[in-house]
């Protein structure tokens, strides 16, 4: 039972980071963030949080939901944390613009499924 609650909590962390990214994405343009390291790394941090929360999901949960590219999300976190010197602002922005909005309904669905199971 603890693992299910743990997974639901991680999904909620992911959704919170997604919501923050989407809220602030609408307030900035790429040109604004690429020249402001404080703002840019604020965006990066929330992408990292998503990756870290994915990493903390149980293997069983991830295996039950292969429709989500968990490894891709986790690998993005590894690049941002360990390859910080290679981060390309355009790649991060493209992820926020393209991948994050499509991930949101999937995470919302998984949270709902977990709530129904508990």
N, C-alpha and C. Protein backbone atom coordinates (compact mmCIF):
# COMPACT_ATOMS: atom_id res chain seq x y z
N UNK A 1 0.81 -1.20 0.00
CA UNK A 1 0.00 0.00 0.00
C UNK A 1 0.86 1.26 0.00
N UNK A 2 1.96 1.24 0.71
CA UNK A 2 2.83 2.42 0.76
C UNK A 2 3.35 2.80 -0.61
N UNK A 3 3.69 1.79 -1.43
CA UNK A 3 4.24 2.08 -2.75
C UNK A 3 3.22 2.81 -3.63
N UNK A 4 1.96 2.42 -3.54
CA UNK A 4 0.92 3.09 -4.33
C UNK A 4 0.79 4.55 -3.91
N UNK A 5 0.79 4.79 -2.60
CA UNK A 5 0.72 6.16 -2.11
C UNK A 5 1.96 6.92 -2.55
N UNK A 6 3.10 6.27 -2.48
CA UNK A 6 4.34 6.90 -2.90
C UNK A 6 4.26 7.30 -4.38
N UNK A 7 3.79 6.38 -5.22
CA UNK A 7 3.68 6.68 -6.65
C UNK A 7 2.71 7.84 -6.89
N UNK A 8 1.59 7.82 -6.21
CA UNK A 8 0.62 8.91 -6.37
C UNK A 8 1.25 10.24 -5.96
N UNK A 9 2.00 10.25 -4.89
CA UNK A 9 2.68 11.47 -4.46
C UNK A 9 3.67 11.96 -5.50
N UNK A 10 4.40 11.04 -6.09
CA UNK A 10 5.36 11.43 -7.14
C UNK A 10 4.63 11.99 -8.36
N UNK A 11 3.52 11.38 -8.71
CA UNK A 11 2.72 11.90 -9.83
C UNK A 11 2.23 13.32 -9.53
N UNK A 12 1.86 13.56 -8.29
CA UNK A 12 1.42 14.91 -7.90
C UNK A 12 2.57 15.90 -7.99
N UNK A 13 3.78 15.48 -7.64
CA UNK A 13 4.95 16.35 -7.79
C UNK A 13 5.16 16.69 -9.26
N UNK A 14 5.02 15.68 -10.12
CA UNK A 14 5.18 15.89 -11.56
C UNK A 14 4.14 16.90 -12.05
N UNK A 15 2.90 16.70 -11.65
CA UNK A 15 1.83 17.59 -12.10
C UNK A 15 2.05 19.02 -11.59
N UNK A 16 2.50 19.18 -10.37
CA UNK A 16 2.78 20.52 -9.85
C UNK A 16 3.87 21.21 -10.66
N UNK A 17 4.92 20.48 -11.00
CA UNK A 17 6.00 21.06 -11.81
C UNK A 17 5.50 21.40 -13.21
N UNK A 18 4.69 20.53 -13.78
CA UNK A 18 4.11 20.81 -15.10
C UNK A 18 3.27 22.08 -15.05
N UNK A 19 2.42 22.19 -14.05
CA UNK A 19 1.57 23.38 -13.94
C UNK A 19 2.38 24.65 -13.78
N UNK A 20 3.45 24.59 -13.02
CA UNK A 20 4.32 25.75 -12.87
C UNK A 20 4.95 26.12 -14.20
N UNK A 21 5.47 25.12 -14.91
CA UNK A 21 6.09 25.38 -16.21
C UNK A 21 5.09 26.00 -17.18
N UNK A 22 3.90 25.45 -17.24
CA UNK A 22 2.91 25.96 -18.20
C UNK A 22 2.44 27.36 -17.83
N UNK A 23 2.33 27.65 -16.55
CA UNK A 23 1.93 28.99 -16.12
C UNK A 23 2.98 30.02 -16.53
N UNK A 24 4.24 29.71 -16.25
CA UNK A 24 5.29 30.69 -16.53
C UNK A 24 5.69 30.71 -18.00
N UNK A 25 5.48 29.63 -18.71
CA UNK A 25 5.76 29.60 -20.15
C UNK A 25 4.93 30.66 -20.87
N UNK A 26 3.72 30.85 -20.41
CA UNK A 26 2.84 31.83 -21.04
C UNK A 26 3.22 33.27 -20.72
N UNK A 27 4.08 33.46 -19.74
CA UNK A 27 4.51 34.81 -19.36
C UNK A 27 5.83 35.22 -20.01
N UNK A 28 6.52 34.27 -20.60
CA UNK A 28 7.83 34.53 -21.19
C UNK A 28 7.87 34.06 -22.63
N UNK A 29 8.79 34.66 -23.37
CA UNK A 29 9.12 34.19 -24.72
C UNK A 29 10.52 33.62 -24.64
N UNK A 30 10.86 32.80 -25.60
CA UNK A 30 12.18 32.18 -25.61
C UNK A 30 13.28 33.23 -25.51
N UNK A 31 13.11 34.33 -26.23
CA UNK A 31 14.13 35.38 -26.23
C UNK A 31 14.35 35.94 -24.82
N UNK A 32 13.28 35.97 -24.03
CA UNK A 32 13.39 36.46 -22.65
C UNK A 32 14.22 35.53 -21.79
N UNK A 33 13.98 34.25 -21.91
CA UNK A 33 14.65 33.32 -20.99
C UNK A 33 16.08 33.01 -21.39
N UNK A 34 16.37 33.00 -22.69
CA UNK A 34 17.72 32.60 -23.09
C UNK A 34 18.78 33.61 -22.64
N UNK A 35 18.36 34.85 -22.43
CA UNK A 35 19.30 35.88 -22.01
C UNK A 35 19.25 36.18 -20.51
N UNK A 36 18.40 35.46 -19.78
CA UNK A 36 18.28 35.68 -18.34
C UNK A 36 18.50 34.35 -17.63
N UNK A 37 19.73 34.11 -17.15
CA UNK A 37 20.03 32.80 -16.57
C UNK A 37 19.19 32.45 -15.35
N UNK A 38 18.79 33.43 -14.57
CA UNK A 38 17.97 33.14 -13.39
C UNK A 38 16.62 32.58 -13.82
N UNK A 39 15.99 33.23 -14.77
CA UNK A 39 14.70 32.76 -15.26
C UNK A 39 14.87 31.42 -15.98
N UNK A 40 15.88 31.32 -16.83
CA UNK A 40 16.11 30.08 -17.58
C UNK A 40 16.29 28.90 -16.64
N UNK A 41 17.14 29.05 -15.64
CA UNK A 41 17.39 27.92 -14.75
C UNK A 41 16.21 27.64 -13.82
N UNK A 42 15.31 28.59 -13.66
CA UNK A 42 14.05 28.30 -12.98
C UNK A 42 13.22 27.31 -13.79
N UNK A 43 13.19 27.51 -15.09
CA UNK A 43 12.51 26.55 -15.97
C UNK A 43 13.21 25.20 -15.93
N UNK A 44 14.52 25.23 -16.02
CA UNK A 44 15.30 23.98 -15.99
C UNK A 44 15.02 23.20 -14.72
N UNK A 45 14.97 23.88 -13.59
CA UNK A 45 14.75 23.20 -12.31
C UNK A 45 13.44 22.42 -12.31
N UNK A 46 12.40 22.99 -12.88
CA UNK A 46 11.11 22.29 -12.89
C UNK A 46 11.12 21.09 -13.84
N UNK A 47 11.87 21.17 -14.91
CA UNK A 47 12.03 20.00 -15.77
C UNK A 47 12.81 18.93 -15.01
N UNK A 48 13.82 19.34 -14.25
CA UNK A 48 14.57 18.41 -13.40
C UNK A 48 13.66 17.73 -12.38
N UNK A 49 12.79 18.51 -11.76
CA UNK A 49 11.87 17.95 -10.75
C UNK A 49 11.01 16.86 -11.38
N UNK A 50 10.52 17.11 -12.58
CA UNK A 50 9.73 16.09 -13.27
C UNK A 50 10.55 14.83 -13.46
N UNK A 51 11.78 14.99 -13.93
CA UNK A 51 12.65 13.83 -14.14
C UNK A 51 12.99 13.10 -12.87
N UNK A 52 13.22 13.82 -11.80
CA UNK A 52 13.54 13.19 -10.52
C UNK A 52 12.34 12.44 -9.96
N UNK A 53 11.16 13.03 -10.08
CA UNK A 53 9.95 12.35 -9.61
C UNK A 53 9.68 11.09 -10.43
N UNK A 54 9.94 11.15 -11.72
CA UNK A 54 9.82 9.95 -12.57
C UNK A 54 10.79 8.88 -12.10
N UNK A 55 12.02 9.29 -11.83
CA UNK A 55 13.04 8.36 -11.35
C UNK A 55 12.60 7.67 -10.05
N UNK A 56 11.87 8.39 -9.21
CA UNK A 56 11.45 7.86 -7.91
C UNK A 56 10.19 6.99 -7.99
N UNK A 57 9.51 6.99 -9.13
CA UNK A 57 8.36 6.08 -9.28
C UNK A 57 8.85 4.64 -9.19
N UNK A 58 8.01 3.76 -8.66
CA UNK A 58 8.42 2.36 -8.57
C UNK A 58 8.54 1.75 -9.96
N UNK A 59 9.42 0.78 -10.07
CA UNK A 59 9.60 0.08 -11.35
C UNK A 59 8.29 -0.59 -11.78
N UNK A 60 7.57 -1.10 -10.81
CA UNK A 60 6.30 -1.77 -11.12
C UNK A 60 5.30 -0.79 -11.75
N UNK A 61 5.22 0.40 -11.18
CA UNK A 61 4.30 1.40 -11.70
C UNK A 61 4.70 1.78 -13.12
N UNK A 62 5.97 2.03 -13.33
CA UNK A 62 6.44 2.41 -14.66
C UNK A 62 6.16 1.30 -15.67
N UNK A 63 6.37 0.06 -15.26
CA UNK A 63 6.13 -1.08 -16.15
C UNK A 63 4.65 -1.22 -16.49
N UNK A 64 3.79 -0.84 -15.57
CA UNK A 64 2.34 -0.92 -15.81
C UNK A 64 1.85 0.16 -16.77
N UNK A 65 2.69 1.16 -17.03
CA UNK A 65 2.29 2.29 -17.88
C UNK A 65 3.36 2.57 -18.94
N UNK A 66 3.54 1.61 -19.85
CA UNK A 66 4.58 1.78 -20.88
C UNK A 66 4.23 2.83 -21.93
N UNK A 67 2.99 3.33 -21.89
CA UNK A 67 2.58 4.34 -22.86
C UNK A 67 3.30 5.67 -22.63
N UNK A 68 3.90 5.81 -21.47
CA UNK A 68 4.67 7.03 -21.17
C UNK A 68 6.15 6.69 -21.28
N UNK A 69 6.88 7.55 -21.93
CA UNK A 69 8.31 7.32 -22.14
C UNK A 69 9.10 7.74 -20.90
N UNK A 70 8.96 6.95 -19.86
CA UNK A 70 9.60 7.26 -18.57
C UNK A 70 11.11 7.44 -18.72
N UNK A 71 11.75 6.55 -19.48
CA UNK A 71 13.20 6.62 -19.62
C UNK A 71 13.65 7.91 -20.29
N UNK A 72 12.89 8.37 -21.27
CA UNK A 72 13.23 9.63 -21.95
C UNK A 72 13.16 10.80 -20.96
N UNK A 73 12.12 10.80 -20.15
CA UNK A 73 11.95 11.87 -19.15
C UNK A 73 13.08 11.82 -18.13
N UNK A 74 13.37 10.62 -17.66
CA UNK A 74 14.45 10.46 -16.68
C UNK A 74 15.80 10.86 -17.27
N UNK A 75 16.04 10.49 -18.52
CA UNK A 75 17.31 10.84 -19.17
C UNK A 75 17.47 12.34 -19.34
N UNK A 76 16.38 13.04 -19.59
CA UNK A 76 16.44 14.50 -19.70
C UNK A 76 16.93 15.09 -18.38
N UNK A 77 16.45 14.55 -17.28
CA UNK A 77 16.89 15.01 -15.96
C UNK A 77 18.39 14.78 -15.79
N UNK A 78 18.87 13.60 -16.21
CA UNK A 78 20.30 13.30 -16.08
C UNK A 78 21.14 14.30 -16.88
N UNK A 79 20.69 14.63 -18.07
CA UNK A 79 21.42 15.59 -18.90
C UNK A 79 21.44 16.96 -18.22
N UNK A 80 20.30 17.38 -17.70
CA UNK A 80 20.22 18.71 -17.07
C UNK A 80 21.07 18.80 -15.81
N UNK A 81 21.11 17.71 -15.04
CA UNK A 81 21.85 17.73 -13.78
C UNK A 81 23.34 17.48 -14.00
N UNK A 82 23.66 16.44 -14.75
CA UNK A 82 25.06 16.03 -14.88
C UNK A 82 25.75 16.64 -16.10
N UNK A 83 24.97 17.04 -17.09
CA UNK A 83 25.56 17.65 -18.27
C UNK A 83 25.18 19.11 -18.37
N UNK A 84 25.08 19.75 -17.21
CA UNK A 84 24.62 21.14 -17.13
C UNK A 84 25.37 22.07 -18.08
N UNK A 85 26.62 21.75 -18.37
CA UNK A 85 27.45 22.60 -19.23
C UNK A 85 27.11 22.43 -20.71
N UNK A 86 26.27 21.44 -21.03
CA UNK A 86 25.89 21.20 -22.42
C UNK A 86 24.45 21.59 -22.70
N UNK A 87 23.77 22.16 -21.72
CA UNK A 87 22.35 22.49 -21.89
C UNK A 87 22.18 23.53 -22.99
N UNK A 88 21.28 23.22 -23.90
CA UNK A 88 20.96 24.15 -24.97
C UNK A 88 19.58 24.74 -24.67
N UNK A 89 19.53 26.05 -24.47
CA UNK A 89 18.25 26.67 -24.11
C UNK A 89 17.11 26.33 -25.07
N UNK A 90 17.39 26.26 -26.35
CA UNK A 90 16.32 25.96 -27.31
C UNK A 90 15.74 24.57 -27.09
N UNK A 91 16.58 23.60 -26.74
CA UNK A 91 16.08 22.24 -26.47
C UNK A 91 15.17 22.22 -25.25
N UNK A 92 15.57 22.93 -24.21
CA UNK A 92 14.74 22.99 -23.00
C UNK A 92 13.41 23.66 -23.33
N UNK A 93 13.47 24.77 -24.05
CA UNK A 93 12.25 25.49 -24.40
C UNK A 93 11.34 24.63 -25.27
N UNK A 94 11.91 23.92 -26.23
CA UNK A 94 11.11 23.03 -27.09
C UNK A 94 10.43 21.95 -26.27
N UNK A 95 11.13 21.42 -25.27
CA UNK A 95 10.54 20.42 -24.38
C UNK A 95 9.35 21.02 -23.63
N UNK A 96 9.52 22.23 -23.14
CA UNK A 96 8.45 22.89 -22.39
C UNK A 96 7.27 23.22 -23.31
N UNK A 97 7.56 23.62 -24.52
CA UNK A 97 6.50 23.98 -25.46
C UNK A 97 5.75 22.77 -26.01
N UNK A 98 6.46 21.68 -26.25
CA UNK A 98 5.90 20.54 -26.97
C UNK A 98 5.57 19.36 -26.08
N UNK A 99 6.54 18.91 -25.31
CA UNK A 99 6.38 17.66 -24.55
C UNK A 99 5.59 17.84 -23.26
N UNK A 100 5.82 18.91 -22.56
CA UNK A 100 5.16 19.12 -21.26
C UNK A 100 3.64 19.21 -21.41
N UNK A 101 3.11 19.97 -22.38
CA UNK A 101 1.65 20.02 -22.51
C UNK A 101 1.01 18.66 -22.84
N UNK A 102 1.71 17.82 -23.56
CA UNK A 102 1.14 16.49 -23.87
C UNK A 102 1.29 15.54 -22.69
N UNK A 103 2.26 15.78 -21.83
CA UNK A 103 2.44 14.93 -20.66
C UNK A 103 1.36 15.20 -19.60
N UNK A 104 0.92 16.44 -19.51
CA UNK A 104 -0.02 16.83 -18.45
C UNK A 104 -1.28 15.95 -18.39
N UNK A 105 -2.02 15.77 -19.49
CA UNK A 105 -3.23 14.95 -19.38
C UNK A 105 -2.94 13.49 -19.02
N UNK A 106 -1.79 12.99 -19.43
CA UNK A 106 -1.41 11.63 -19.07
C UNK A 106 -1.18 11.50 -17.56
N UNK A 107 -0.50 12.47 -17.00
CA UNK A 107 -0.25 12.45 -15.55
C UNK A 107 -1.56 12.64 -14.79
N UNK A 108 -2.41 13.53 -15.26
CA UNK A 108 -3.72 13.71 -14.62
C UNK A 108 -4.52 12.41 -14.64
N UNK A 109 -4.47 11.71 -15.75
CA UNK A 109 -5.18 10.43 -15.87
C UNK A 109 -4.63 9.41 -14.88
N UNK A 110 -3.31 9.34 -14.77
CA UNK A 110 -2.69 8.38 -13.85
C UNK A 110 -3.02 8.70 -12.40
N UNK A 111 -3.04 9.98 -12.06
CA UNK A 111 -3.41 10.37 -10.69
C UNK A 111 -4.84 9.93 -10.40
N UNK A 112 -5.72 10.17 -11.34
CA UNK A 112 -7.12 9.77 -11.16
C UNK A 112 -7.22 8.26 -10.98
N UNK A 113 -6.51 7.51 -11.79
CA UNK A 113 -6.52 6.04 -11.66
C UNK A 113 -6.01 5.61 -10.30
N UNK A 114 -4.95 6.26 -9.83
CA UNK A 114 -4.40 5.91 -8.52
C UNK A 114 -5.39 6.25 -7.40
N UNK A 115 -6.07 7.37 -7.52
CA UNK A 115 -7.07 7.74 -6.51
C UNK A 115 -8.21 6.72 -6.47
N UNK A 116 -8.59 6.23 -7.62
CA UNK A 116 -9.67 5.24 -7.68
C UNK A 116 -9.24 3.90 -7.08
N UNK A 117 -7.96 3.59 -7.16
CA UNK A 117 -7.45 2.32 -6.62
C UNK A 117 -7.28 2.36 -5.11
N UNK A 118 -7.02 3.55 -4.58
CA UNK A 118 -6.70 3.65 -3.14
C UNK A 118 -7.93 3.70 -2.28
